[in-house]
Amino acid sequence: MKFKLSLATAASMLLLSANAAHAESVKIGAPAWTGAQAIAHLIQEIVVTKIGGEAELVPGNNAAIFQAMDQGKGDIDVHPDVWLPNQQTFTQKYVDEAGTVTLSSNSYEGKQNFCVSKNFSEEHGVTSIFDLARPEIAEKMDSDGNGKGEIWIGAPGWASANVNEVKVRDYGLMPFMEPVRADQAVMTARVGDAIKKGEGYAFYCYSPHAIWFQHDIVRLEEPAFDPEKYVALQPSDDPDWFAKSKVMTEDALKNVQIAYSNSLKDRSPAIADLLANIALDGETVSGFAFEIEGGKDAATVAKEWVAANSDRVDSWLGL
């Protein structure tokens, strides 16, 4: 009997060891913006608690994450929040041409504009982007006394900030408004401060984002998207990108998707299947961002959401 128990124990230990050796694992890129952080933690939570695998978050920018996914060595396997066409340079290179990266078929909608507070809009009749060219409005947005109002166009390194700088020029705002690049947290704090003080402040806004839960803001009208009037080059396209760009319409609606290395399909097929099936929406992602911006840990937000939405998560897992 003792001999049989030893065999059973040994067999059990061998099975556990084999399972551990072949446990599904993934390294998830974690860009700095809040929405990406939220989705990265969500994927991690599902992999660990639902699949029983291992998941590690790896900080990185778009270029580093896509390059690692292309190499397929497992250094970084996933980009959780790919905005298209903003990041089309990367998807064209690695998805379309190299064929080393896959985009999930499910996407949520992203929308980009410029905003002001609702109170400022109503009090001063500011409803259009071109209202920022009214001298009296620019004066009310001049916080540093240099004769121009400030308009936040995005953070340093953002492709969208380059597009927005071209817009400020081509909408004829340069004589009145000074484009400012600063970290997103600076913008969020400045919006709250301006609302509190009753001051004017114009800023690049997009959804999903926590700010729609934090403050009462409105989008400024822009000319409807027209691809003929939307030529937006990036520094990687041409050193003379600013002079050669011309943008005189609003951005097209964005598709935001998850990308993952094709090598993951062989190394961790259950995780690859999960990434292919995750289906989020802008309101859910904005809710994530709002909780995180409010001080809650991103891992806690993900854990609570997965526990409260088990049916939705199970559908992604094919259960």
Protein backbone atom coordinates (compact mmCIF):
# COMPACT_ATOMS: atom_id res chain seq x y z
CA MET A 1 0.00 0.00 0.00
CA LYS A 2 2.79 2.38 0.91
CA PHE A 3 4.38 1.62 -2.47
CA LYS A 4 1.14 2.43 -4.30
CA LEU A 5 0.72 5.67 -2.37
CA SER A 6 4.24 6.66 -3.28
CA LEU A 7 3.53 6.00 -6.94
CA ALA A 8 0.31 8.00 -6.78
CA THR A 9 2.03 10.85 -5.04
CA ALA A 10 4.87 10.82 -7.53
CA ALA A 11 2.44 10.75 -10.45
CA SER A 12 0.50 13.66 -8.99
CA MET A 13 3.66 15.66 -8.44
CA LEU A 14 4.80 14.92 -11.97
CA LEU A 15 1.47 16.11 -13.38
CA LEU A 16 1.58 19.32 -11.36
CA SER A 17 5.14 19.90 -12.47
CA ALA A 18 4.22 19.37 -16.11
CA ASN A 19 1.27 21.74 -15.83
CA ALA A 20 3.43 24.38 -14.19
CA ALA A 21 6.05 24.02 -16.90
CA HIS A 22 3.40 24.56 -19.57
CA ALA A 23 1.38 27.19 -17.73
CA GLU A 24 0.15 29.89 -20.03
CA SER A 25 2.00 33.15 -19.54
CA VAL A 26 2.05 36.58 -21.12
CA LYS A 27 3.87 39.89 -20.82
CA ILE A 28 1.55 42.82 -21.38
CA GLY A 29 2.80 46.19 -22.58
CA ALA A 30 1.64 49.02 -20.33
CA PRO A 31 1.76 52.45 -22.01
CA ALA A 32 1.48 55.47 -19.74
CA TRP A 33 -2.04 56.70 -20.52
CA THR A 34 -4.78 55.67 -18.13
CA GLY A 35 -6.98 53.74 -20.55
CA ALA A 36 -4.07 51.53 -21.59
CA GLN A 37 -3.12 50.95 -17.96
CA ALA A 38 -6.69 49.94 -17.15
CA ILE A 39 -6.96 47.43 -20.01
CA ALA A 40 -3.50 46.01 -19.29
CA HIS A 41 -4.52 45.30 -15.69
CA LEU A 42 -7.85 43.86 -16.88
CA ILE A 43 -6.07 41.38 -19.13
CA GLN A 44 -3.70 40.48 -16.31
CA GLU A 45 -6.58 39.85 -13.90
CA ILE A 46 -8.42 37.57 -16.32
CA VAL A 47 -5.31 35.59 -17.22
CA VAL A 48 -4.41 35.00 -13.58
CA THR A 49 -7.84 34.37 -12.04
CA LYS A 50 -9.77 32.84 -14.93
CA ILE A 51 -7.14 31.02 -16.98
CA GLY A 52 -4.77 30.24 -14.13
CA GLY A 53 -1.81 31.61 -16.06
CA GLU A 54 0.90 34.13 -15.38
CA ALA A 55 0.80 37.75 -16.53
CA GLU A 56 3.37 40.50 -16.11
CA LEU A 57 2.99 44.18 -16.99
CA VAL A 58 5.91 45.79 -18.80
CA PRO A 59 6.04 49.59 -19.15
CA GLY A 60 6.86 50.85 -22.63
CA ASN A 61 5.96 53.28 -25.38
CA ASN A 62 4.27 52.33 -28.66
CA ALA A 63 7.49 51.85 -30.61
CA ALA A 64 9.09 49.58 -28.00
CA ILE A 65 5.97 47.46 -27.54
CA PHE A 66 5.42 46.90 -31.26
CA GLN A 67 9.08 46.07 -31.82
CA ALA A 68 9.00 43.47 -29.04
CA MET A 69 5.78 41.94 -30.37
CA ASP A 70 7.39 41.74 -33.81
CA GLN A 71 10.42 39.88 -32.42
CA GLY A 72 8.10 37.32 -30.84
CA LYS A 73 10.48 36.31 -28.05
CA GLY A 74 8.02 36.97 -25.23
CA ASP A 75 9.66 40.17 -23.96
CA ILE A 76 6.35 41.95 -24.60
CA ASP A 77 3.42 40.08 -26.14
CA VAL A 78 0.52 42.54 -26.03
CA HIS A 79 -0.36 46.17 -26.72
CA PRO A 80 -3.63 46.71 -24.84
CA ASP A 81 -4.84 49.95 -26.46
CA VAL A 82 -3.95 50.57 -30.11
CA TRP A 83 -5.56 53.76 -31.47
CA LEU A 84 -6.10 53.73 -35.22
CA PRO A 85 -5.30 55.51 -37.39
CA ASN A 86 -3.06 57.30 -34.83
CA GLN A 87 -0.73 54.28 -34.61
CA GLN A 88 -1.16 53.20 -38.20
CA THR A 89 2.57 53.58 -38.87
CA PHE A 90 3.15 50.66 -36.49
CA THR A 91 0.25 48.48 -37.63
CA GLN A 92 1.16 48.92 -41.28
CA LYS A 93 4.75 47.85 -40.57
CA TYR A 94 4.12 44.92 -38.24
CA VAL A 95 0.54 43.77 -38.97
CA ASP A 96 0.19 44.42 -42.70
CA GLU A 97 3.76 44.10 -43.97
CA ALA A 98 5.70 41.87 -41.57
CA GLY A 99 2.67 39.82 -40.52
CA THR A 100 4.13 39.27 -37.04
CA VAL A 101 1.41 41.03 -35.05
CA THR A 102 -2.37 40.49 -34.97
CA LEU A 103 -5.08 43.06 -34.24
CA SER A 104 -8.17 41.87 -32.40
CA SER A 105 -11.31 42.00 -34.51
CA ASN A 106 -13.26 43.73 -31.74
CA SER A 107 -12.78 47.45 -31.21
CA TYR A 108 -14.29 50.28 -29.24
CA GLU A 109 -14.88 53.76 -30.55
CA GLY A 110 -12.58 56.67 -29.81
CA LYS A 111 -13.41 60.30 -30.55
CA GLN A 112 -11.04 63.27 -30.54
CA ASN A 113 -11.85 66.99 -30.40
CA PHE A 114 -11.10 70.17 -28.46
CA CYS A 115 -13.13 71.10 -25.39
CA VAL A 116 -13.93 73.88 -22.96
CA SER A 117 -15.98 73.81 -19.79
CA LYS A 118 -19.74 73.88 -20.24
CA ASN A 119 -20.07 77.00 -18.08
CA PHE A 120 -17.50 78.91 -20.13
CA SER A 121 -19.13 77.79 -23.37
CA GLU A 122 -22.57 78.97 -22.28
CA GLU A 123 -21.42 82.21 -20.67
CA HIS A 124 -19.35 83.38 -23.65
CA GLY A 125 -21.00 81.67 -26.60
CA VAL A 126 -18.02 79.47 -27.34
CA THR A 127 -19.31 76.50 -29.34
CA SER A 128 -16.93 76.28 -32.32
CA ILE A 129 -13.19 75.86 -32.62
CA PHE A 130 -13.19 79.14 -34.56
CA ASP A 131 -14.58 80.99 -31.53
CA LEU A 132 -11.10 80.67 -30.06
CA ALA A 133 -9.96 83.20 -32.68
CA ARG A 134 -12.17 85.87 -31.15
CA PRO A 135 -9.75 88.29 -29.42
CA GLU A 136 -11.94 88.67 -26.35
CA ILE A 137 -12.07 84.89 -25.90
CA ALA A 138 -8.33 84.47 -26.35
CA GLU A 139 -7.82 87.17 -23.72
CA LYS A 140 -9.95 85.24 -21.23
CA MET A 141 -7.76 82.19 -21.84
CA ASP A 142 -4.45 84.01 -21.34
CA SER A 143 -3.16 82.84 -17.97
CA ASP A 144 0.47 83.98 -18.34
CA GLY A 145 -0.11 87.49 -19.70
CA ASN A 146 1.75 86.99 -23.00
CA GLY A 147 -1.20 88.17 -25.08
CA LYS A 148 -2.31 84.72 -26.22
CA GLY A 149 -4.63 82.15 -24.75
CA GLU A 150 -3.35 78.63 -24.12
CA ILE A 151 -4.66 75.50 -25.76
CA TRP A 152 -3.38 72.11 -24.59
CA ILE A 153 -2.71 69.94 -27.65
CA GLY A 154 -1.44 66.78 -25.94
CA ALA A 155 1.56 65.31 -24.19
CA PRO A 156 5.12 65.32 -25.57
CA GLY A 157 5.61 62.38 -27.91
CA TRP A 158 1.93 61.92 -28.79
CA ALA A 159 1.19 61.64 -32.51
CA SER A 160 -2.12 63.37 -31.83
CA ALA A 161 -0.28 66.38 -30.40
CA ASN A 162 1.48 66.83 -33.74
CA VAL A 163 -1.84 66.69 -35.57
CA ASN A 164 -3.37 69.17 -33.14
CA GLU A 165 -0.53 71.63 -33.61
CA VAL A 166 -1.19 71.55 -37.35
CA LYS A 167 -4.89 72.11 -36.65
CA VAL A 168 -4.19 75.16 -34.49
CA ARG A 169 -2.19 76.62 -37.39
CA ASP A 170 -4.63 75.69 -40.16
CA TYR A 171 -7.72 76.79 -38.24
CA GLY A 172 -6.11 80.24 -38.05
CA LEU A 173 -5.67 80.17 -34.27
CA MET A 174 -1.92 80.82 -34.02
CA PRO A 175 -2.25 84.64 -33.69
CA PHE A 176 -4.61 84.14 -30.75
CA MET A 177 -3.80 80.81 -29.07
CA GLU A 178 -0.51 79.26 -27.99
CA PRO A 179 -0.33 75.46 -28.39
CA VAL A 180 0.98 73.82 -25.21
CA ARG A 181 2.41 70.33 -24.78
CA ALA A 182 2.43 68.95 -21.25
CA ASP A 183 1.73 65.71 -19.42
CA GLN A 184 -1.91 64.67 -19.32
CA ALA A 185 -2.04 65.09 -15.53
CA VAL A 186 -1.12 68.76 -15.96
CA MET A 187 -4.06 69.24 -18.32
CA THR A 188 -6.52 67.50 -16.01
CA ALA A 189 -5.44 69.63 -13.06
CA ARG A 190 -5.59 72.80 -15.15
CA VAL A 191 -9.13 72.04 -16.32
CA GLY A 192 -10.32 71.61 -12.74
CA ASP A 193 -8.54 74.79 -11.64
CA ALA A 194 -9.99 76.83 -14.51
CA ILE A 195 -13.52 75.63 -13.75
CA LYS A 196 -13.09 76.40 -10.05
CA LYS A 197 -11.87 79.93 -10.82
CA GLY A 198 -14.33 80.57 -13.66
CA GLU A 199 -11.51 80.99 -16.16
CA GLY A 200 -11.34 79.94 -19.78
CA TYR A 201 -9.20 77.01 -20.87
CA ALA A 202 -9.22 75.11 -24.16
CA PHE A 203 -7.78 71.62 -24.43
CA TYR A 204 -7.53 68.53 -26.57
CA CYS A 205 -10.15 66.07 -25.34
CA TYR A 206 -10.94 62.53 -26.27
CA SER A 207 -13.15 59.70 -25.22
CA PRO A 208 -12.91 57.35 -23.54
CA HIS A 209 -11.30 59.36 -20.73
CA ALA A 210 -11.91 59.96 -17.04
CA ILE A 211 -12.44 63.67 -17.60
CA TRP A 212 -16.00 63.05 -18.85
CA PHE A 213 -16.85 61.78 -15.35
CA GLN A 214 -14.75 64.42 -13.57
CA HIS A 215 -15.94 67.70 -15.09
CA ASP A 216 -18.81 69.17 -17.08
CA ILE A 217 -17.17 69.85 -20.44
CA VAL A 218 -18.33 70.23 -24.04
CA ARG A 219 -16.75 69.53 -27.40
CA LEU A 220 -16.13 72.41 -29.77
CA GLU A 221 -17.55 72.00 -33.25
CA GLU A 222 -15.10 71.44 -36.09
CA PRO A 223 -15.67 70.98 -39.83
CA ALA A 224 -16.82 67.43 -40.55
CA PHE A 225 -14.08 64.95 -41.34
CA ASP A 226 -12.91 65.18 -44.94
CA PRO A 227 -9.98 62.97 -45.97
CA GLU A 228 -9.09 65.44 -48.73
CA LYS A 229 -8.49 68.12 -46.11
CA TYR A 230 -6.80 65.87 -43.59
CA VAL A 231 -3.15 65.37 -44.49
CA ALA A 232 -1.39 64.64 -41.21
CA LEU A 233 2.25 63.62 -41.47
CA GLN A 234 4.42 62.58 -38.53
CA PRO A 235 8.13 63.23 -37.94
CA SER A 236 8.78 59.58 -38.81
CA ASP A 237 7.15 60.17 -42.20
CA ASP A 238 9.05 63.31 -43.17
CA PRO A 239 11.44 65.66 -41.33
CA ASP A 240 9.43 68.53 -42.82
CA TRP A 241 6.16 67.03 -41.50
CA PHE A 242 4.77 70.27 -40.06
CA ALA A 243 5.11 72.30 -43.26
CA LYS A 244 3.79 69.51 -45.46
CA SER A 245 0.76 68.68 -43.29
CA LYS A 246 -2.62 70.30 -43.75
CA VAL A 247 -5.52 69.55 -41.41
CA MET A 248 -8.73 71.54 -41.64
CA THR A 249 -11.33 69.05 -40.40
CA GLU A 250 -12.07 67.09 -37.28
CA ASP A 251 -10.53 63.67 -36.81
CA ALA A 252 -12.34 60.62 -38.07
CA LEU A 253 -13.73 58.32 -35.41
CA LYS A 254 -11.01 56.03 -34.09
CA ASN A 255 -11.00 52.27 -33.73
CA VAL A 256 -9.22 51.18 -30.57
CA GLN A 257 -8.07 47.56 -30.50
CA ILE A 258 -5.80 45.10 -28.75
CA ALA A 259 -2.70 43.90 -30.60
CA TYR A 260 -0.64 40.81 -29.80
CA SER A 261 2.35 38.92 -31.11
CA ASN A 262 1.55 36.07 -33.46
CA SER A 263 4.02 33.93 -31.52
CA LEU A 264 1.63 34.00 -28.56
CA LYS A 265 -0.78 31.76 -30.46
CA ASP A 266 1.69 28.89 -30.19
CA ARG A 267 3.12 29.67 -26.77
CA SER A 268 -0.14 30.47 -24.94
CA PRO A 269 -3.14 29.69 -27.16
CA ALA A 270 -5.77 30.24 -24.45
CA ILE A 271 -4.46 33.75 -23.81
CA ALA A 272 -4.32 34.48 -27.53
CA ASP A 273 -7.96 33.36 -27.82
CA LEU A 274 -8.90 35.66 -24.95
CA LEU A 275 -7.22 38.65 -26.60
CA ALA A 276 -9.01 37.93 -29.85
CA ASN A 277 -12.40 37.87 -28.10
CA ILE A 278 -12.24 40.76 -25.60
CA ALA A 279 -14.95 43.27 -26.49
CA LEU A 280 -14.90 46.59 -24.63
CA ASP A 281 -16.77 49.86 -25.11
CA GLY A 282 -15.90 53.49 -24.54
CA GLU A 283 -18.15 53.93 -21.52
CA THR A 284 -16.57 50.97 -19.72
CA VAL A 285 -13.05 52.21 -20.40
CA SER A 286 -13.98 55.74 -19.31
CA GLY A 287 -15.32 54.25 -16.08
CA PHE A 288 -12.02 52.43 -15.52
CA ALA A 289 -10.10 55.64 -16.12
CA PHE A 290 -12.32 57.63 -13.77
CA GLU A 291 -11.75 55.23 -10.89
CA ILE A 292 -8.00 55.14 -11.47
CA GLU A 293 -7.72 58.91 -11.81
CA GLY A 294 -9.67 59.14 -8.57
CA GLY A 295 -6.88 57.32 -6.76
CA LYS A 296 -7.96 53.68 -6.87
CA ASP A 297 -5.27 51.17 -7.78
CA ALA A 298 -5.65 49.90 -11.36
CA ALA A 299 -5.28 46.28 -10.25
CA THR A 300 -8.11 46.74 -7.75
CA VAL A 301 -10.34 48.32 -10.40
CA ALA A 302 -9.74 45.36 -12.69
CA LYS A 303 -10.33 42.78 -9.96
CA GLU A 304 -13.63 44.37 -8.90
CA TRP A 305 -14.86 44.73 -12.46
CA VAL A 306 -14.08 41.10 -13.36
CA ALA A 307 -15.89 39.89 -10.22
CA ALA A 308 -18.95 42.01 -11.06
CA ASN A 309 -19.04 41.07 -14.76
CA SER A 310 -18.32 37.34 -14.71
CA ASP A 311 -20.82 36.51 -17.48
CA ARG A 312 -19.26 39.03 -19.84
CA VAL A 313 -15.76 37.80 -19.08
CA ASP A 314 -16.83 34.15 -19.45
CA SER A 315 -18.18 34.96 -22.93
CA TRP A 316 -14.72 36.22 -23.91
CA LEU A 317 -13.33 32.90 -22.72
CA GLY A 318 -15.90 30.91 -24.69
CA LEU A 319 -17.58 29.57 -21.56
